[in-house]
Full PDB file with SEQRES, HELIX, SHEET, SSBOND, CRYST1, ORIGX, SCALE, CONECT and MASTER records, all heavy atoms in Angstrom:
SEQRES   1 A   36  ALA ALA THR ARG LEU GLY ASP ILE ALA LEU ILE ARG HIS          
SEQRES   2 A   36  GLU ARG ALA GLN ASP LYS LYS ASN ARG SER LYS SER ASP          
SEQRES   3 A   36  LEU SER ARG LEU LYS GLN ILE VAL LYS ASN                      
HELIX    1 AA1 ALA A    2  GLN A   17  1                                  16    
HELIX    2 AA2 LYS A   24  LYS A   35  1                                  12    
CRYST1    1.000    1.000    1.000  90.00  90.00  90.00 P 1           1          
ORIGX1      1.000000  0.000000  0.000000        0.00000                         
ORIGX2      0.000000  1.000000  0.000000        0.00000                         
ORIGX3      0.000000  0.000000  1.000000        0.00000                         
SCALE1      1.000000  0.000000  0.000000        0.00000                         
SCALE2      0.000000  1.000000  0.000000        0.00000                         
SCALE3      0.000000  0.000000  1.000000        0.00000                         
ATOM      1  N   ALA A   1     103.162  52.744 137.981  1.00  0.00           N  
ATOM      2  CA  ALA A   1     103.876  51.456 137.972  1.00  0.00           C  
ATOM      3  C   ALA A   1     103.099  50.427 137.151  1.00  0.00           C  
ATOM      4  O   ALA A   1     103.678  49.670 136.361  1.00  0.00           O  
ATOM      5  CB  ALA A   1     104.081  50.961 139.403  1.00  0.00           C  
ATOM      6  N   ALA A   2     101.780  50.399 137.328  1.00  0.00           N  
ATOM      7  CA  ALA A   2     100.950  49.467 136.565  1.00  0.00           C  
ATOM      8  C   ALA A   2     100.995  49.795 135.072  1.00  0.00           C  
ATOM      9  O   ALA A   2     101.012  48.891 134.226  1.00  0.00           O  
ATOM     10  CB  ALA A   2      99.507  49.524 137.074  1.00  0.00           C  
ATOM     11  N   THR A   3     101.034  51.083 134.750  1.00  0.00           N  
ATOM     12  CA  THR A   3     101.149  51.498 133.349  1.00  0.00           C  
ATOM     13  C   THR A   3     102.468  51.035 132.756  1.00  0.00           C  
ATOM     14  O   THR A   3     102.536  50.588 131.614  1.00  0.00           O  
ATOM     15  CB  THR A   3     101.031  53.022 133.219  1.00  0.00           C  
ATOM     16  OG1 THR A   3      99.792  53.453 133.786  1.00  0.00           O  
ATOM     17  CG2 THR A   3     101.089  53.461 131.760  1.00  0.00           C  
ATOM     18  N   ARG A   4     103.532  51.124 133.559  1.00  0.00           N  
ATOM     19  CA  ARG A   4     104.846  50.703 133.067  1.00  0.00           C  
ATOM     20  C   ARG A   4     104.874  49.203 132.786  1.00  0.00           C  
ATOM     21  O   ARG A   4     105.530  48.757 131.829  1.00  0.00           O  
ATOM     22  CB  ARG A   4     105.922  51.071 134.091  1.00  0.00           C  
ATOM     23  CG  ARG A   4     107.333  50.805 133.607  1.00  0.00           C  
ATOM     24  CD  ARG A   4     107.645  51.571 132.324  1.00  0.00           C  
ATOM     25  NE  ARG A   4     108.086  52.921 132.576  1.00  0.00           N  
ATOM     26  CZ  ARG A   4     107.939  53.904 131.703  1.00  0.00           C  
ATOM     27  NH1 ARG A   4     107.339  53.688 130.544  1.00  0.00           N  
ATOM     28  NH2 ARG A   4     108.384  55.114 131.976  1.00  0.00           N  
ATOM     29  N   LEU A   5     104.164  48.407 133.584  1.00  0.00           N  
ATOM     30  CA  LEU A   5     104.085  46.971 133.295  1.00  0.00           C  
ATOM     31  C   LEU A   5     103.402  46.739 131.950  1.00  0.00           C  
ATOM     32  O   LEU A   5     103.770  45.827 131.202  1.00  0.00           O  
ATOM     33  CB  LEU A   5     103.322  46.249 134.407  1.00  0.00           C  
ATOM     34  CG  LEU A   5     104.017  46.151 135.771  1.00  0.00           C  
ATOM     35  CD1 LEU A   5     103.125  45.434 136.775  1.00  0.00           C  
ATOM     36  CD2 LEU A   5     105.357  45.432 135.652  1.00  0.00           C  
ATOM     37  N   GLY A   6     102.407  47.570 131.638  1.00  0.00           N  
ATOM     38  CA  GLY A   6     101.786  47.496 130.315  1.00  0.00           C  
ATOM     39  C   GLY A   6     102.767  47.854 129.225  1.00  0.00           C  
ATOM     40  O   GLY A   6     102.786  47.239 128.151  1.00  0.00           O  
ATOM     41  N   ASP A   7     103.613  48.866 129.491  1.00  0.00           N  
ATOM     42  CA  ASP A   7     104.625  49.278 128.509  1.00  0.00           C  
ATOM     43  C   ASP A   7     105.605  48.146 128.220  1.00  0.00           C  
ATOM     44  O   ASP A   7     106.030  47.950 127.080  1.00  0.00           O  
ATOM     45  CB  ASP A   7     105.394  50.500 129.024  1.00  0.00           C  
ATOM     46  CG  ASP A   7     104.517  51.725 129.179  1.00  0.00           C  
ATOM     47  OD1 ASP A   7     103.420  51.758 128.587  1.00  0.00           O  
ATOM     48  OD2 ASP A   7     104.925  52.657 129.908  1.00  0.00           O  
ATOM     49  N   ILE A   8     105.980  47.414 129.258  1.00  0.00           N  
ATOM     50  CA  ILE A   8     106.916  46.294 129.079  1.00  0.00           C  
ATOM     51  C   ILE A   8     106.287  45.218 128.197  1.00  0.00           C  
ATOM     52  O   ILE A   8     106.930  44.675 127.290  1.00  0.00           O  
ATOM     53  CB  ILE A   8     107.322  45.713 130.444  1.00  0.00           C  
ATOM     54  CG1 ILE A   8     108.187  46.730 131.203  1.00  0.00           C  
ATOM     55  CG2 ILE A   8     108.094  44.396 130.268  1.00  0.00           C  
ATOM     56  CD1 ILE A   8     108.470  46.346 132.644  1.00  0.00           C  
ATOM     57  N   ALA A   9     105.007  44.928 128.447  1.00  0.00           N  
ATOM     58  CA  ALA A   9     104.306  43.949 127.611  1.00  0.00           C  
ATOM     59  C   ALA A   9     104.198  44.451 126.176  1.00  0.00           C  
ATOM     60  O   ALA A   9     104.311  43.672 125.214  1.00  0.00           O  
ATOM     61  CB  ALA A   9     102.917  43.675 128.181  1.00  0.00           C  
ATOM     62  N   LEU A  10     103.991  45.760 126.020  1.00  0.00           N  
ATOM     63  CA  LEU A  10     103.881  46.350 124.686  1.00  0.00           C  
ATOM     64  C   LEU A  10     105.193  46.213 123.920  1.00  0.00           C  
ATOM     65  O   LEU A  10     105.203  45.873 122.727  1.00  0.00           O  
ATOM     66  CB  LEU A  10     103.487  47.821 124.809  1.00  0.00           C  
ATOM     67  CG  LEU A  10     103.410  48.631 123.511  1.00  0.00           C  
ATOM     68  CD1 LEU A  10     102.359  48.048 122.570  1.00  0.00           C  
ATOM     69  CD2 LEU A  10     103.109  50.085 123.808  1.00  0.00           C  
ATOM     70  N   ILE A  11     106.302  46.460 124.588  1.00  0.00           N  
ATOM     71  CA  ILE A  11     107.607  46.336 123.942  1.00  0.00           C  
ATOM     72  C   ILE A  11     107.850  44.893 123.493  1.00  0.00           C  
ATOM     73  O   ILE A  11     108.370  44.651 122.396  1.00  0.00           O  
ATOM     74  CB  ILE A  11     108.720  46.808 124.898  1.00  0.00           C  
ATOM     75  CG1 ILE A  11     108.646  48.329 125.061  1.00  0.00           C  
ATOM     76  CG2 ILE A  11     110.101  46.399 124.384  1.00  0.00           C  
ATOM     77  CD1 ILE A  11     109.518  48.877 126.163  1.00  0.00           C  
ATOM     78  N   ARG A  12     107.465  43.933 124.333  1.00  0.00           N  
ATOM     79  CA  ARG A  12     107.617  42.524 123.949  1.00  0.00           C  
ATOM     80  C   ARG A  12     106.812  42.219 122.686  1.00  0.00           C  
ATOM     81  O   ARG A  12     107.277  41.504 121.795  1.00  0.00           O  
ATOM     82  CB  ARG A  12     107.162  41.626 125.090  1.00  0.00           C  
ATOM     83  CG  ARG A  12     108.133  41.570 126.250  1.00  0.00           C  
ATOM     84  CD  ARG A  12     107.638  40.656 127.333  1.00  0.00           C  
ATOM     85  NE  ARG A  12     108.578  40.595 128.443  1.00  0.00           N  
ATOM     86  CZ  ARG A  12     108.222  40.531 129.710  1.00  0.00           C  
ATOM     87  NH1 ARG A  12     106.943  40.490 130.037  1.00  0.00           N  
ATOM     88  NH2 ARG A  12     109.132  40.482 130.664  1.00  0.00           N  
ATOM     89  N   HIS A  13     105.603  42.768 122.619  1.00  0.00           N  
ATOM     90  CA  HIS A  13     104.767  42.535 121.445  1.00  0.00           C  
ATOM     91  C   HIS A  13     105.365  43.189 120.207  1.00  0.00           C  
ATOM     92  O   HIS A  13     105.416  42.586 119.127  1.00  0.00           O  
ATOM     93  CB  HIS A  13     103.358  43.079 121.696  1.00  0.00           C  
ATOM     94  CG  HIS A  13     102.475  43.019 120.497  1.00  0.00           C  
ATOM     95  ND1 HIS A  13     102.196  44.129 119.720  1.00  0.00           N  
ATOM     96  CD2 HIS A  13     101.813  41.974 119.917  1.00  0.00           C  
ATOM     97  CE1 HIS A  13     101.405  43.770 118.725  1.00  0.00           C  
ATOM     98  NE2 HIS A  13     101.170  42.482 118.826  1.00  0.00           N  
ATOM     99  N   GLU A  14     105.834  44.439 120.358  1.00  0.00           N  
ATOM    100  CA  GLU A  14     106.413  45.154 119.218  1.00  0.00           C  
ATOM    101  C   GLU A  14     107.649  44.437 118.696  1.00  0.00           C  
ATOM    102  O   GLU A  14     107.866  44.328 117.491  1.00  0.00           O  
ATOM    103  CB  GLU A  14     106.768  46.594 119.631  1.00  0.00           C  
ATOM    104  CG  GLU A  14     105.592  47.461 120.039  1.00  0.00           C  
ATOM    105  CD  GLU A  14     104.848  48.038 118.854  1.00  0.00           C  
ATOM    106  OE1 GLU A  14     105.089  47.573 117.716  1.00  0.00           O  
ATOM    107  OE2 GLU A  14     104.023  48.936 119.061  1.00  0.00           O  
ATOM    108  N   ARG A  15     108.477  43.939 119.599  1.00  0.00           N  
ATOM    109  CA  ARG A  15     109.699  43.242 119.181  1.00  0.00           C  
ATOM    110  C   ARG A  15     109.378  41.897 118.540  1.00  0.00           C  
ATOM    111  O   ARG A  15     110.070  41.474 117.609  1.00  0.00           O  
ATOM    112  CB  ARG A  15     110.626  43.051 120.382  1.00  0.00           C  
ATOM    113  CG  ARG A  15     111.254  44.355 120.857  1.00  0.00           C  
ATOM    114  CD  ARG A  15     112.298  44.143 121.930  1.00  0.00           C  
ATOM    115  NE  ARG A  15     113.024  45.377 122.204  1.00  0.00           N  
ATOM    116  CZ  ARG A  15     114.052  45.469 123.046  1.00  0.00           C  
ATOM    117  NH1 ARG A  15     114.467  44.393 123.701  1.00  0.00           N  
ATOM    118  NH2 ARG A  15     114.665  46.620 123.229  1.00  0.00           N  
ATOM    119  N   ALA A  16     108.341  41.253 119.053  1.00  0.00           N  
ATOM    120  CA  ALA A  16     107.932  39.977 118.467  1.00  0.00           C  
ATOM    121  C   ALA A  16     107.444  40.166 117.034  1.00  0.00           C  
ATOM    122  O   ALA A  16     107.632  39.300 116.175  1.00  0.00           O  
ATOM    123  CB  ALA A  16     106.838  39.334 119.314  1.00  0.00           C  
ATOM    124  N   GLN A  17     106.805  41.331 116.774  1.00  0.00           N  
ATOM    125  CA  GLN A  17     106.325  41.626 115.419  1.00  0.00           C  
ATOM    126  C   GLN A  17     107.478  41.722 114.422  1.00  0.00           C  
ATOM    127  O   GLN A  17     107.296  41.476 113.235  1.00  0.00           O  
ATOM    128  CB  GLN A  17     105.531  42.930 115.409  1.00  0.00           C  
ATOM    129  CG  GLN A  17     104.129  42.815 115.994  1.00  0.00           C  
ATOM    130  CD  GLN A  17     103.371  44.115 115.877  1.00  0.00           C  
ATOM    131  OE1 GLN A  17     103.844  45.168 116.295  1.00  0.00           O  
ATOM    132  NE2 GLN A  17     102.184  44.059 115.301  1.00  0.00           N  
ATOM    133  N   ASP A  18     108.645  42.110 114.921  1.00  0.00           N  
ATOM    134  CA  ASP A  18     109.807  42.269 114.043  1.00  0.00           C  
ATOM    135  C   ASP A  18     110.486  40.941 113.719  1.00  0.00           C  
ATOM    136  O   ASP A  18     111.373  40.896 112.871  1.00  0.00           O  
ATOM    137  CB  ASP A  18     110.824  43.215 114.695  1.00  0.00           C  
ATOM    138  CG  ASP A  18     110.288  44.636 114.834  1.00  0.00           C  
ATOM    139  OD1 ASP A  18     109.401  45.010 114.042  1.00  0.00           O  
ATOM    140  OD2 ASP A  18     110.756  45.354 115.741  1.00  0.00           O  
ATOM    141  N   LYS A  19     110.079  39.884 114.402  1.00  0.00           N  
ATOM    142  CA  LYS A  19     110.682  38.572 114.162  1.00  0.00           C  
ATOM    143  C   LYS A  19     109.805  37.765 113.206  1.00  0.00           C  
ATOM    144  O   LYS A  19     108.632  37.549 113.461  1.00  0.00           O  
ATOM    145  CB  LYS A  19     110.853  37.819 115.486  1.00  0.00           C  
ATOM    146  CG  LYS A  19     111.820  38.499 116.441  1.00  0.00           C  
ATOM    147  CD  LYS A  19     111.969  37.711 117.732  1.00  0.00           C  
ATOM    148  CE  LYS A  19     112.951  38.388 118.688  1.00  0.00           C  
ATOM    149  NZ  LYS A  19     113.085  37.647 119.953  1.00  0.00           N  
ATOM    150  N   LYS A  20     110.379  37.321 112.128  1.00  0.00           N  
ATOM    151  CA  LYS A  20     109.617  36.656 111.072  1.00  0.00           C  
ATOM    152  C   LYS A  20     109.112  35.274 111.483  1.00  0.00           C  
ATOM    153  O   LYS A  20     108.166  34.758 110.905  1.00  0.00           O  
ATOM    154  CB  LYS A  20     110.480  36.539 109.809  1.00  0.00           C  
ATOM    155  CG  LYS A  20     110.865  37.891 109.203  1.00  0.00           C  
ATOM    156  CD  LYS A  20     111.716  37.719 107.966  1.00  0.00           C  
ATOM    157  CE  LYS A  20     112.101  39.055 107.378  1.00  0.00           C  
ATOM    158  NZ  LYS A  20     112.945  38.909 106.162  1.00  0.00           N  
ATOM    159  N   ASN A  21     109.743  34.681 112.488  1.00  0.00           N  
ATOM    160  CA  ASN A  21     109.363  33.314 112.845  1.00  0.00           C  
ATOM    161  C   ASN A  21     108.275  33.244 113.920  1.00  0.00           C  
ATOM    162  O   ASN A  21     107.927  32.158 114.382  1.00  0.00           O  
ATOM    163  CB  ASN A  21     110.598  32.536 113.328  1.00  0.00           C  
ATOM    164  CG  ASN A  21     111.227  33.160 114.567  1.00  0.00           C  
ATOM    165  OD1 ASN A  21     111.001  34.333 114.870  1.00  0.00           O  
ATOM    166  ND2 ASN A  21     112.036  32.377 115.259  1.00  0.00           N  
ATOM    167  N   ARG A  22     107.715  34.369 114.350  1.00  0.00           N  
ATOM    168  CA  ARG A  22     106.658  34.349 115.351  1.00  0.00           C  
ATOM    169  C   ARG A  22     105.317  34.068 114.684  1.00  0.00           C  
ATOM    170  O   ARG A  22     104.971  34.683 113.670  1.00  0.00           O  
ATOM    171  CB  ARG A  22     106.589  35.673 116.113  1.00  0.00           C  
ATOM    172  CG  ARG A  22     107.848  36.019 116.863  1.00  0.00           C  
ATOM    173  CD  ARG A  22     108.256  34.949 117.862  1.00  0.00           C  
ATOM    174  NE  ARG A  22     107.410  34.921 119.036  1.00  0.00           N  
ATOM    175  CZ  ARG A  22     107.711  35.535 120.177  1.00  0.00           C  
ATOM    176  NH1 ARG A  22     108.832  36.245 120.290  1.00  0.00           N  
ATOM    177  NH2 ARG A  22     106.908  35.430 121.221  1.00  0.00           N  
ATOM    178  N   SER A  23     104.566  33.150 115.251  1.00  0.00           N  
ATOM    179  CA  SER A  23     103.273  32.774 114.678  1.00  0.00           C  
ATOM    180  C   SER A  23     102.219  33.826 114.982  1.00  0.00           C  
ATOM    181  O   SER A  23     102.356  34.617 115.921  1.00  0.00           O  
ATOM    182  CB  SER A  23     102.829  31.428 115.248  1.00  0.00           C  
ATOM    183  OG  SER A  23     102.567  31.547 116.640  1.00  0.00           O  
ATOM    184  N   LYS A  24     101.143  33.826 114.210  1.00  0.00           N  
ATOM    185  CA  LYS A  24     100.055  34.778 114.428  1.00  0.00           C  
ATOM    186  C   LYS A  24      99.396  34.559 115.782  1.00  0.00           C  
ATOM    187  O   LYS A  24      99.001  35.511 116.457  1.00  0.00           O  
ATOM    188  CB  LYS A  24      99.023  34.646 113.307  1.00  0.00           C  
ATOM    189  CG  LYS A  24      99.490  35.179 111.969  1.00  0.00           C  
ATOM    190  CD  LYS A  24      98.376  35.124 110.940  1.00  0.00           C  
ATOM    191  CE  LYS A  24      98.827  35.695 109.608  1.00  0.00           C  
ATOM    192  NZ  LYS A  24      97.732  35.646 108.583  1.00  0.00           N  
ATOM    193  N   SER A  25      99.269  33.302 116.187  1.00  0.00           N  
ATOM    194  CA  SER A  25      98.653  32.998 117.479  1.00  0.00           C  
ATOM    195  C   SER A  25      99.505  33.529 118.626  1.00  0.00           C  
ATOM    196  O   SER A  25      98.983  34.016 119.638  1.00  0.00           O  
ATOM    197  CB  SER A  25      98.435  31.488 117.628  1.00  0.00           C  
ATOM    198  OG  SER A  25      99.672  30.797 117.571  1.00  0.00           O  
ATOM    199  N   ASP A  26     100.825  33.435 118.476  1.00  0.00           N  
ATOM    200  CA  ASP A  26     101.726  33.937 119.509  1.00  0.00           C  
ATOM    201  C   ASP A  26     101.638  35.458 119.599  1.00  0.00           C  
ATOM    202  O   ASP A  26     101.585  36.027 120.699  1.00  0.00           O  
ATOM    203  CB  ASP A  26     103.159  33.514 119.199  1.00  0.00           C  
ATOM    204  CG  ASP A  26     104.093  33.701 120.392  1.00  0.00           C  
ATOM    205  OD1 ASP A  26     103.585  33.753 121.531  1.00  0.00           O  
ATOM    206  OD2 ASP A  26     105.311  33.795 120.179  1.00  0.00           O  
ATOM    207  N   LEU A  27     101.606  36.122 118.449  1.00  0.00           N  
ATOM    208  CA  LEU A  27     101.487  37.573 118.425  1.00  0.00           C  
ATOM    209  C   LEU A  27     100.151  38.020 119.012  1.00  0.00           C  
ATOM    210  O   LEU A  27     100.077  39.018 119.732  1.00  0.00           O  
ATOM    211  CB  LEU A  27     101.629  38.101 116.991  1.00  0.00           C  
ATOM    212  CG  LEU A  27     103.014  37.974 116.358  1.00  0.00           C  
ATOM    213  CD1 LEU A  27     102.969  38.407 114.896  1.00  0.00           C  
ATOM    214  CD2 LEU A  27     104.032  38.827 117.124  1.00  0.00           C  
ATOM    215  N   SER A  28      99.105  37.263 118.696  1.00  0.00           N  
ATOM    216  CA  SER A  28      97.780  37.578 119.228  1.00  0.00           C  
ATOM    217  C   SER A  28      97.760  37.442 120.746  1.00  0.00           C  
ATOM    218  O   SER A  28      97.154  38.270 121.453  1.00  0.00           O  
ATOM    219  CB  SER A  28      96.739  36.657 118.596  1.00  0.00           C  
ATOM    220  OG  SER A  28      95.455  36.913 119.126  1.00  0.00           O  
ATOM    221  N   ARG A  29      98.429  36.418 121.257  1.00  0.00           N  
ATOM    222  CA  ARG A  29      98.497  36.202 122.708  1.00  0.00           C  
ATOM    223  C   ARG A  29      99.235  37.349 123.391  1.00  0.00           C  
ATOM    224  O   ARG A  29      98.790  37.865 124.430  1.00  0.00           O  
ATOM    225  CB  ARG A  29      99.209  34.877 123.003  1.00  0.00           C  
ATOM    226  CG  ARG A  29      99.368  34.567 124.487  1.00  0.00           C  
ATOM    227  CD  ARG A  29     100.171  33.290 124.689  1.00  0.00           C  
ATOM    228  NE  ARG A  29     101.513  33.399 124.144  1.00  0.00           N  
ATOM    229  CZ  ARG A  29     102.527  33.995 124.797  1.00  0.00           C  
ATOM    230  NH1 ARG A  29     102.321  34.528 126.000  1.00  0.00           N  
ATOM    231  NH2 ARG A  29     103.731  34.040 124.253  1.00  0.00           N  
ATOM    232  N   LEU A  30     100.354  37.779 122.812  1.00  0.00           N  
ATOM    233  CA  LEU A  30     101.128  38.871 123.383  1.00  0.00           C  
ATOM    234  C   LEU A  30     100.345  40.184 123.356  1.00  0.00           C  
ATOM    235  O   LEU A  30     100.384  40.963 124.313  1.00  0.00           O  
ATOM    236  CB  LEU A  30     102.445  39.037 122.621  1.00  0.00           C  
ATOM    237  CG  LEU A  30     103.472  37.911 122.793  1.00  0.00           C  
ATOM    238  CD1 LEU A  30     104.634  38.098 121.834  1.00  0.00           C  
ATOM    239  CD2 LEU A  30     103.972  37.853 124.236  1.00  0.00           C  
ATOM    240  N   LYS A  31      99.619  40.406 122.258  1.00  0.00           N  
ATOM    241  CA  LYS A  31      98.808  41.626 122.161  1.00  0.00           C  
ATOM    242  C   LYS A  31      97.710  41.635 123.216  1.00  0.00           C  
ATOM    243  O   LYS A  31      97.405  42.682 123.804  1.00  0.00           O  
ATOM    244  CB  LYS A  31      98.201  41.763 120.769  1.00  0.00           C  
ATOM    245  CG  LYS A  31      97.304  43.002 120.625  1.00  0.00           C  
ATOM    246  CD  LYS A  31      96.711  43.123 119.240  1.00  0.00           C  
ATOM    247  CE  LYS A  31      97.689  43.691 118.265  1.00  0.00           C  
ATOM    248  NZ  LYS A  31      97.057  44.064 116.981  1.00  0.00           N  
ATOM    249  N   GLN A  32      97.126  40.475 123.481  1.00  0.00           N  
ATOM    250  CA  GLN A  32      96.054  40.406 124.476  1.00  0.00           C  
ATOM    251  C   GLN A  32      96.590  40.695 125.877  1.00  0.00           C  
ATOM    252  O   GLN A  32      95.900  41.324 126.689  1.00  0.00           O  
ATOM    253  CB  GLN A  32      95.402  39.022 124.455  1.00  0.00           C  
ATOM    254  CG  GLN A  32      94.096  38.945 125.229  1.00  0.00           C  
ATOM    255  CD  GLN A  32      93.069  39.954 124.742  1.00  0.00           C  
ATOM    256  OE1 GLN A  32      92.796  40.049 123.541  1.00  0.00           O  
ATOM    257  NE2 GLN A  32      92.501  40.722 125.656  1.00  0.00           N  
ATOM    258  N   ILE A  33      97.816  40.272 126.154  1.00  0.00           N  
ATOM    259  CA  ILE A  33      98.443  40.586 127.443  1.00  0.00           C  
ATOM    260  C   ILE A  33      98.586  42.095 127.596  1.00  0.00           C  
ATOM    261  O   ILE A  33      98.307  42.664 128.662  1.00  0.00           O  
ATOM    262  CB  ILE A  33      99.810  39.892 127.572  1.00  0.00           C  
ATOM    263  CG1 ILE A  33      99.637  38.377 127.671  1.00  0.00           C  
ATOM    264  CG2 ILE A  33     100.574  40.414 128.793  1.00  0.00           C  
ATOM    265  CD1 ILE A  33     100.941  37.608 127.640  1.00  0.00           C  
ATOM    266  N   VAL A  34      99.013  42.753 126.519  1.00  0.00           N  
ATOM    267  CA  VAL A  34      99.153  44.216 126.533  1.00  0.00           C  
ATOM    268  C   VAL A  34      97.807  44.872 126.830  1.00  0.00           C  
ATOM    269  O   VAL A  34      97.694  45.733 127.716  1.00  0.00           O  
ATOM    270  CB  VAL A  34      99.697  44.738 125.190  1.00  0.00           C  
ATOM    271  CG1 VAL A  34      99.803  46.261 125.221  1.00  0.00           C  
ATOM    272  CG2 VAL A  34     101.046  44.130 124.873  1.00  0.00           C  
ATOM    273  N   LYS A  35      96.784  44.457 126.099  1.00  0.00           N  
ATOM    274  CA  LYS A  35      95.453  45.041 126.283  1.00  0.00           C  
ATOM    275  C   LYS A  35      94.947  44.830 127.701  1.00  0.00           C  
ATOM    276  O   LYS A  35      94.365  45.746 128.304  1.00  0.00           O  
ATOM    277  CB  LYS A  35      94.467  44.434 125.277  1.00  0.00           C  
ATOM    278  CG  LYS A  35      94.694  44.850 123.839  1.00  0.00           C  
ATOM    279  CD  LYS A  35      93.652  44.210 122.944  1.00  0.00           C  
ATOM    280  CE  LYS A  35      93.803  44.637 121.506  1.00  0.00           C  
ATOM    281  NZ  LYS A  35      92.773  44.008 120.626  1.00  0.00           N  
ATOM    282  N   ASN A  36      95.164  43.627 128.245  1.00  0.00           N  
ATOM    283  CA  ASN A  36      94.688  43.319 129.594  1.00  0.00           C  
ATOM    284  C   ASN A  36      95.368  44.192 130.641  1.00  0.00           C  
ATOM    285  O   ASN A  36      94.721  44.681 131.582  1.00  0.00           O  
ATOM    286  CB  ASN A  36      94.916  41.842 129.922  1.00  0.00           C  
ATOM    287  CG  ASN A  36      94.006  40.917 129.129  1.00  0.00           C  
ATOM    288  OD1 ASN A  36      93.011  41.352 128.558  1.00  0.00           O  
ATOM    289  ND2 ASN A  36      94.348  39.648 129.087  1.00  0.00           N  
TER     290      ASN A  36                                                      
MASTER        0    0    0    2    0    0    0    6  289    1    0    3          
END                                                                             
C-alpha cells in the first residue's frame, strides 16, 4: 500500500513533466515527494 502511494506521486510527476507550463521548481518539488 505504501509503495502504491509512491506510484501515485510518481504518476503526478510524470504527467507534470508533459505539461509545458510547469516550472522547474514545481517539478523538483513533485520529484522530491516521489523520492520521499
